Amino acid sequence: MMQHQISILARFRPEVLERILRVTRHRGFRINAMNMGQSTDGDNVNIELTVSSQRPLTQLCAQLTKLSDITEVEVLQQESRLLRTQSAM
C-alpha cells in the first residue's frame, strides 16, 4: 500500500470536515492520521491527512478540489509501505 500525506486549505465551515472524510472514504482511502488547526485569520482551516491506499492519489486530490469549500490541496509526501498481515495459527 502507498501512504501519502496531503495538506488541505479550506474555509472554516461546520460541514467541511465531514465532506472531506466522506470523499476520502468513498474513494477507497484509509485515514491513518489527521491534524487540523484554524488559520490566524479565523476564516480558514488547515487539515493535514495521512492516508493509505492502492488507488492513485490523483483521484482523491481531484475529488477534494471539486468541493466548494476547499481552497487548496497539496501533496506533502508519498511513500511505499508494505503492510504485513499475520495469519492466525
C-alpha atoms as a PDB file:
ATOM      1  CA  MET A   1       0.000   0.000   0.000  1.00  0.00           C
ATOM      2  CA  MET A   2       1.084   3.533  -0.653  1.00  0.00           C
ATOM      3  CA  GLN A   3       0.988   6.046   2.169  1.00  0.00           C
ATOM      4  CA  HIS A   4       0.507   9.712   1.334  1.00  0.00           C
ATOM      5  CA  GLN A   5       0.466  12.924   3.330  1.00  0.00           C
ATOM      6  CA  ILE A   6      -1.680  15.744   1.971  1.00  0.00           C
ATOM      7  CA  SER A   7      -2.400  19.268   3.138  1.00  0.00           C
ATOM      8  CA  ILE A   8      -5.814  20.837   2.610  1.00  0.00           C
ATOM      9  CA  LEU A   9      -6.706  24.504   2.981  1.00  0.00           C
ATOM     10  CA  ALA A  10     -10.448  25.052   3.333  1.00  0.00           C
ATOM     11  CA  ARG A  11     -12.973  27.615   4.501  1.00  0.00           C
ATOM     12  CA  PHE A  12     -13.931  27.141   8.124  1.00  0.00           C
ATOM     13  CA  ARG A  13     -17.431  25.682   7.936  1.00  0.00           C
ATOM     14  CA  PRO A  14     -19.063  23.128  10.262  1.00  0.00           C
ATOM     15  CA  GLU A  15     -19.620  20.624   7.435  1.00  0.00           C
ATOM     16  CA  VAL A  16     -16.245  20.851   5.667  1.00  0.00           C
ATOM     17  CA  LEU A  17     -14.506  18.130   7.703  1.00  0.00           C
ATOM     18  CA  GLU A  18     -17.413  15.733   7.212  1.00  0.00           C
ATOM     19  CA  ARG A  19     -17.296  16.260   3.436  1.00  0.00           C
ATOM     20  CA  ILE A  20     -13.535  15.677   3.294  1.00  0.00           C
ATOM     21  CA  LEU A  21     -13.808  12.463   5.314  1.00  0.00           C
ATOM     22  CA  ARG A  22     -16.715  11.204   3.198  1.00  0.00           C
ATOM     23  CA  VAL A  23     -14.894  11.808  -0.104  1.00  0.00           C
ATOM     24  CA  THR A  24     -11.745  10.163   1.270  1.00  0.00           C
ATOM     25  CA  ARG A  25     -13.671   7.060   2.347  1.00  0.00           C
ATOM     26  CA  HIS A  26     -15.707   6.824  -0.868  1.00  0.00           C
ATOM     27  CA  ARG A  27     -12.523   6.981  -2.969  1.00  0.00           C
ATOM     28  CA  GLY A  28     -11.112   3.957  -1.123  1.00  0.00           C
ATOM     29  CA  PHE A  29      -8.534   5.644   1.094  1.00  0.00           C
ATOM     30  CA  ARG A  30      -7.898   4.842   4.737  1.00  0.00           C
ATOM     31  CA  ILE A  31      -7.103   7.750   7.054  1.00  0.00           C
ATOM     32  CA  ASN A  32      -4.124   6.882   9.256  1.00  0.00           C
ATOM     33  CA  ALA A  33      -3.608  10.287  10.884  1.00  0.00           C
ATOM     34  CA  MET A  34      -5.215  13.710  10.855  1.00  0.00           C
ATOM     35  CA  ASN A  35      -4.195  17.108  12.186  1.00  0.00           C
ATOM     36  CA  MET A  36      -6.435  20.154  11.937  1.00  0.00           C
ATOM     37  CA  GLY A  37      -5.960  23.747  13.013  1.00  0.00           C
ATOM     38  CA  GLN A  38      -7.627  27.075  12.387  1.00  0.00           C
ATOM     39  CA  SER A  39      -5.623  29.684  10.481  1.00  0.00           C
ATOM     40  CA  THR A  40      -4.697  33.011  12.042  1.00  0.00           C
ATOM     41  CA  ASP A  41      -7.428  34.879  10.153  1.00  0.00           C
ATOM     42  CA  GLY A  42     -10.105  32.548  11.572  1.00  0.00           C
ATOM     43  CA  ASP A  43     -11.814  32.119   8.203  1.00  0.00           C
ATOM     44  CA  ASN A  44      -9.827  29.092   7.039  1.00  0.00           C
ATOM     45  CA  VAL A  45      -8.736  25.752   8.416  1.00  0.00           C
ATOM     46  CA  ASN A  46      -5.558  23.773   7.648  1.00  0.00           C
ATOM     47  CA  ILE A  47      -6.008  19.999   7.567  1.00  0.00           C
ATOM     48  CA  GLU A  48      -3.172  17.504   7.188  1.00  0.00           C
ATOM     49  CA  LEU A  49      -4.168  13.937   6.372  1.00  0.00           C
ATOM     50  CA  THR A  50      -2.035  10.828   6.192  1.00  0.00           C
ATOM     51  CA  VAL A  51      -3.886   8.336   4.014  1.00  0.00           C
ATOM     52  CA  SER A  52      -3.106   4.923   2.547  1.00  0.00           C
ATOM     53  CA  SER A  53      -4.487   3.037  -0.419  1.00  0.00           C
ATOM     54  CA  GLN A  54      -3.510   1.121  -3.514  1.00  0.00           C
ATOM     55  CA  ARG A  55      -5.503   3.599  -5.582  1.00  0.00           C
ATOM     56  CA  PRO A  56      -3.858   6.616  -7.245  1.00  0.00           C
ATOM     57  CA  LEU A  57      -3.659   9.744  -5.100  1.00  0.00           C
ATOM     58  CA  THR A  58      -4.509  11.962  -8.070  1.00  0.00           C
ATOM     59  CA  GLN A  59      -8.064  10.597  -7.967  1.00  0.00           C
ATOM     60  CA  LEU A  60      -8.534  11.687  -4.347  1.00  0.00           C
ATOM     61  CA  CYS A  61      -6.932  15.106  -4.885  1.00  0.00           C
ATOM     62  CA  ALA A  62      -9.136  15.782  -7.920  1.00  0.00           C
ATOM     63  CA  GLN A  63     -12.295  14.955  -5.973  1.00  0.00           C
ATOM     64  CA  LEU A  64     -11.279  17.026  -2.943  1.00  0.00           C
ATOM     65  CA  THR A  65     -10.518  20.021  -5.163  1.00  0.00           C
ATOM     66  CA  LYS A  66     -14.086  19.864  -6.520  1.00  0.00           C
ATOM     67  CA  LEU A  67     -15.587  20.501  -3.068  1.00  0.00           C
ATOM     68  CA  SER A  68     -16.873  24.066  -2.833  1.00  0.00           C
ATOM     69  CA  ASP A  69     -15.167  24.989   0.455  1.00  0.00           C
ATOM     70  CA  ILE A  70     -11.730  23.607  -0.489  1.00  0.00           C
ATOM     71  CA  THR A  71      -9.212  26.285  -1.469  1.00  0.00           C
ATOM     72  CA  GLU A  72      -6.067  24.175  -1.989  1.00  0.00           C
ATOM     73  CA  VAL A  73      -4.930  20.535  -1.924  1.00  0.00           C
ATOM     74  CA  GLU A  74      -1.187  19.850  -1.794  1.00  0.00           C
ATOM     75  CA  VAL A  75       0.686  16.534  -1.687  1.00  0.00           C
ATOM     76  CA  LEU A  76       3.366  16.751   1.000  1.00  0.00           C
ATOM     77  CA  GLN A  77       4.822  13.247   0.969  1.00  0.00           C
ATOM     78  CA  GLN A  78       4.405   9.881  -0.744  1.00  0.00           C
ATOM     79  CA  GLU A  79       5.996   6.630   0.295  1.00  0.00           C
ATOM     80  CA  SER A  80       5.520   2.976  -0.425  1.00  0.00           C
ATOM     81  CA  ARG A  81       4.930   0.715   2.522  1.00  0.00           C
ATOM     82  CA  LEU A  82       4.379  -2.986   2.618  1.00  0.00           C
ATOM     83  CA  LEU A  83       1.761  -3.902   5.146  1.00  0.00           C
ATOM     84  CA  ARG A  84       2.297  -7.374   6.518  1.00  0.00           C
ATOM     85  CA  THR A  85      -0.526  -9.416   7.880  1.00  0.00           C
ATOM     86  CA  GLN A  86      -0.127 -12.423  10.109  1.00  0.00           C
ATOM     87  CA  SER A  87      -2.356 -15.398   9.653  1.00  0.00           C
ATOM     88  CA  ALA A  88      -3.837 -16.934  12.768  1.00  0.00           C
ATOM     89  CA  MET A  89      -2.294 -20.254  13.687  1.00  0.00           C
END
